[in-house]
Amino acid sequence: MSNVVELPVITTLPLDPKRVLAGASEREFDRVVLIGRLQDGSEYFASSEPDGGTILWDMERVRHALMKIADDA
């Protein structure tokens, strides 16, 4: 798919998880938290950060940013 151009936009359409992970693999993270739902319906969680408080803080900051995006839209 060399003729596909990735645009830095917000979409309301679902994206293939592999595409999202491929995009993330091009970034340089300080730490990462991965939360997902597997095809069998079970949850998946992995984190590079061992401290639960830091993980929750990061999740709340992202939650706040998502809510702000929704409010601005």
N, C-alpha and C. Protein backbone atom coordinates (compact mmCIF):
# COMPACT_ATOMS: atom_id res chain seq x y z
N MET A 1 0.82 -1.19 0.00
CA MET A 1 0.00 0.00 0.00
C MET A 1 0.86 1.25 0.00
N SER A 2 1.79 1.35 -0.89
CA SER A 2 2.68 2.50 -0.92
C SER A 2 1.98 3.77 -1.38
N ASN A 3 0.77 3.65 -1.93
CA ASN A 3 0.06 4.85 -2.37
C ASN A 3 -0.90 5.38 -1.31
N VAL A 4 -0.84 4.84 -0.10
CA VAL A 4 -1.70 5.31 0.99
C VAL A 4 -0.96 6.40 1.77
N VAL A 5 -1.63 7.52 1.98
CA VAL A 5 -1.06 8.63 2.72
C VAL A 5 -1.72 8.69 4.09
N GLU A 6 -0.91 8.65 5.14
CA GLU A 6 -1.43 8.76 6.50
C GLU A 6 -1.64 10.24 6.82
N LEU A 7 -2.84 10.60 7.21
CA LEU A 7 -3.15 11.98 7.56
C LEU A 7 -3.28 12.11 9.08
N PRO A 8 -2.76 13.18 9.64
CA PRO A 8 -2.85 13.39 11.08
C PRO A 8 -4.21 14.00 11.47
N VAL A 9 -5.27 13.20 11.32
CA VAL A 9 -6.62 13.67 11.62
C VAL A 9 -7.29 12.75 12.62
N ILE A 10 -8.33 13.24 13.24
CA ILE A 10 -9.15 12.43 14.13
C ILE A 10 -10.29 11.86 13.31
N THR A 11 -10.55 10.58 13.46
CA THR A 11 -11.61 9.93 12.71
C THR A 11 -12.61 9.30 13.66
N THR A 12 -13.84 9.17 13.19
CA THR A 12 -14.86 8.47 13.96
C THR A 12 -14.99 7.03 13.49
N LEU A 13 -14.18 6.64 12.52
CA LEU A 13 -14.21 5.28 11.99
C LEU A 13 -13.22 4.39 12.74
N PRO A 14 -13.56 3.13 12.93
CA PRO A 14 -12.60 2.22 13.59
C PRO A 14 -11.39 1.98 12.70
N LEU A 15 -10.23 1.83 13.33
CA LEU A 15 -8.99 1.53 12.62
C LEU A 15 -8.54 0.12 12.99
N ASP A 16 -7.83 -0.52 12.09
CA ASP A 16 -7.26 -1.83 12.36
C ASP A 16 -6.21 -1.68 13.47
N PRO A 17 -6.32 -2.47 14.55
CA PRO A 17 -5.35 -2.36 15.64
C PRO A 17 -3.90 -2.51 15.17
N LYS A 18 -3.65 -3.34 14.18
CA LYS A 18 -2.28 -3.50 13.67
C LYS A 18 -1.76 -2.19 13.08
N ARG A 19 -2.64 -1.44 12.47
CA ARG A 19 -2.25 -0.15 11.88
C ARG A 19 -1.90 0.85 12.99
N VAL A 20 -2.70 0.84 14.06
CA VAL A 20 -2.44 1.74 15.19
C VAL A 20 -1.11 1.38 15.85
N LEU A 21 -0.87 0.08 16.07
CA LEU A 21 0.38 -0.35 16.68
C LEU A 21 1.58 -0.05 15.79
N ALA A 22 1.42 -0.20 14.48
CA ALA A 22 2.51 0.11 13.55
C ALA A 22 2.86 1.60 13.62
N GLY A 23 1.85 2.44 13.71
CA GLY A 23 2.09 3.88 13.84
C GLY A 23 2.79 4.22 15.14
N ALA A 24 2.41 3.55 16.20
CA ALA A 24 3.04 3.79 17.51
C ALA A 24 4.48 3.32 17.52
N SER A 25 4.78 2.28 16.76
CA SER A 25 6.14 1.74 16.76
C SER A 25 7.16 2.72 16.17
N GLU A 26 6.67 3.74 15.49
CA GLU A 26 7.56 4.74 14.90
C GLU A 26 7.89 5.88 15.87
N ARG A 27 7.31 5.84 17.07
CA ARG A 27 7.53 6.88 18.08
C ARG A 27 8.57 6.42 19.08
N GLU A 28 9.12 7.36 19.84
CA GLU A 28 10.06 7.03 20.91
C GLU A 28 9.41 7.39 22.24
N PHE A 29 8.97 6.38 22.96
CA PHE A 29 8.24 6.57 24.21
C PHE A 29 9.17 6.55 25.41
N ASP A 30 8.80 7.31 26.42
CA ASP A 30 9.46 7.24 27.73
C ASP A 30 8.90 6.04 28.49
N ARG A 31 7.60 5.86 28.38
CA ARG A 31 6.92 4.69 28.94
C ARG A 31 5.67 4.46 28.11
N VAL A 32 5.09 3.27 28.23
CA VAL A 32 3.92 2.93 27.43
C VAL A 32 2.98 2.03 28.23
N VAL A 33 1.68 2.23 28.02
CA VAL A 33 0.64 1.38 28.58
C VAL A 33 -0.21 0.91 27.40
N LEU A 34 -0.45 -0.38 27.32
CA LEU A 34 -1.25 -0.93 26.24
C LEU A 34 -2.47 -1.61 26.84
N ILE A 35 -3.64 -1.14 26.44
CA ILE A 35 -4.90 -1.71 26.91
C ILE A 35 -5.69 -2.11 25.68
N GLY A 36 -6.16 -3.32 25.65
CA GLY A 36 -6.91 -3.76 24.49
C GLY A 36 -7.93 -4.83 24.83
N ARG A 37 -8.73 -5.15 23.85
CA ARG A 37 -9.71 -6.22 23.97
C ARG A 37 -9.39 -7.23 22.88
N LEU A 38 -9.19 -8.47 23.29
CA LEU A 38 -8.86 -9.54 22.35
C LEU A 38 -10.12 -10.02 21.64
N GLN A 39 -9.94 -10.73 20.55
CA GLN A 39 -11.08 -11.20 19.76
C GLN A 39 -11.99 -12.13 20.54
N ASP A 40 -11.47 -12.79 21.57
CA ASP A 40 -12.32 -13.67 22.38
C ASP A 40 -13.08 -12.90 23.46
N GLY A 41 -12.91 -11.56 23.50
CA GLY A 41 -13.63 -10.73 24.44
C GLY A 41 -12.88 -10.44 25.73
N SER A 42 -11.74 -11.08 25.93
CA SER A 42 -10.97 -10.84 27.15
C SER A 42 -10.14 -9.57 27.02
N GLU A 43 -9.81 -9.00 28.17
CA GLU A 43 -9.01 -7.77 28.18
C GLU A 43 -7.52 -8.11 28.17
N TYR A 44 -6.73 -7.17 27.62
CA TYR A 44 -5.28 -7.31 27.58
C TYR A 44 -4.68 -6.03 28.15
N PHE A 45 -3.69 -6.19 29.02
CA PHE A 45 -3.00 -5.04 29.59
C PHE A 45 -1.52 -5.34 29.67
N ALA A 46 -0.70 -4.39 29.26
CA ALA A 46 0.75 -4.48 29.42
C ALA A 46 1.27 -3.07 29.63
N SER A 47 2.34 -2.96 30.42
CA SER A 47 2.91 -1.65 30.69
C SER A 47 4.41 -1.76 30.90
N SER A 48 5.11 -0.75 30.45
CA SER A 48 6.55 -0.69 30.71
C SER A 48 6.81 -0.08 32.09
N GLU A 49 5.78 0.49 32.69
CA GLU A 49 5.89 1.16 33.98
C GLU A 49 5.40 0.24 35.09
N PRO A 50 6.23 -0.03 36.09
CA PRO A 50 5.80 -0.93 37.16
C PRO A 50 4.92 -0.27 38.23
N ASP A 51 4.92 1.06 38.30
CA ASP A 51 4.20 1.76 39.36
C ASP A 51 2.76 2.03 38.95
N GLY A 52 1.82 1.43 39.68
CA GLY A 52 0.40 1.59 39.36
C GLY A 52 -0.07 3.03 39.45
N GLY A 53 0.46 3.80 40.38
CA GLY A 53 0.07 5.20 40.51
C GLY A 53 0.44 6.01 39.28
N THR A 54 1.62 5.77 38.76
CA THR A 54 2.07 6.47 37.55
C THR A 54 1.21 6.07 36.36
N ILE A 55 0.88 4.78 36.27
CA ILE A 55 0.01 4.30 35.18
C ILE A 55 -1.34 5.00 35.25
N LEU A 56 -1.94 5.03 36.44
CA LEU A 56 -3.25 5.68 36.59
C LEU A 56 -3.17 7.17 36.28
N TRP A 57 -2.09 7.82 36.70
CA TRP A 57 -1.91 9.25 36.41
C TRP A 57 -1.88 9.47 34.89
N ASP A 58 -1.09 8.65 34.19
CA ASP A 58 -1.02 8.77 32.73
C ASP A 58 -2.39 8.53 32.09
N MET A 59 -3.11 7.52 32.58
CA MET A 59 -4.43 7.22 32.02
C MET A 59 -5.40 8.37 32.26
N GLU A 60 -5.36 8.97 33.42
CA GLU A 60 -6.25 10.10 33.71
C GLU A 60 -5.91 11.32 32.86
N ARG A 61 -4.63 11.55 32.63
CA ARG A 61 -4.22 12.68 31.79
C ARG A 61 -4.71 12.48 30.35
N VAL A 62 -4.59 11.25 29.85
CA VAL A 62 -5.07 10.95 28.50
C VAL A 62 -6.59 11.05 28.45
N ARG A 63 -7.26 10.57 29.49
CA ARG A 63 -8.72 10.67 29.57
C ARG A 63 -9.14 12.14 29.51
N HIS A 64 -8.46 12.98 30.26
CA HIS A 64 -8.76 14.41 30.26
C HIS A 64 -8.58 15.00 28.85
N ALA A 65 -7.49 14.62 28.19
CA ALA A 65 -7.22 15.13 26.84
C ALA A 65 -8.30 14.67 25.86
N LEU A 66 -8.75 13.42 25.98
CA LEU A 66 -9.80 12.91 25.10
C LEU A 66 -11.12 13.66 25.32
N MET A 67 -11.43 13.93 26.56
CA MET A 67 -12.66 14.66 26.86
C MET A 67 -12.60 16.09 26.31
N LYS A 68 -11.42 16.68 26.39
CA LYS A 68 -11.24 18.03 25.87
C LYS A 68 -11.42 18.06 24.34
N ILE A 69 -10.89 17.04 23.67
CA ILE A 69 -11.05 16.94 22.22
C ILE A 69 -12.54 16.86 21.88
N ALA A 70 -13.27 16.04 22.63
CA ALA A 70 -14.70 15.89 22.38
C ALA A 70 -15.45 17.21 22.62
N ASP A 71 -15.06 17.92 23.65
CA ASP A 71 -15.70 19.20 23.95
C ASP A 71 -15.41 20.23 22.88
N ASP A 72 -14.21 20.21 22.33
CA ASP A 72 -13.82 21.18 21.31
C ASP A 72 -14.42 20.88 19.94
N ALA A 73 -14.86 19.64 19.74
CA ALA A 73 -15.38 19.23 18.41
C ALA A 73 -16.79 19.69 18.16
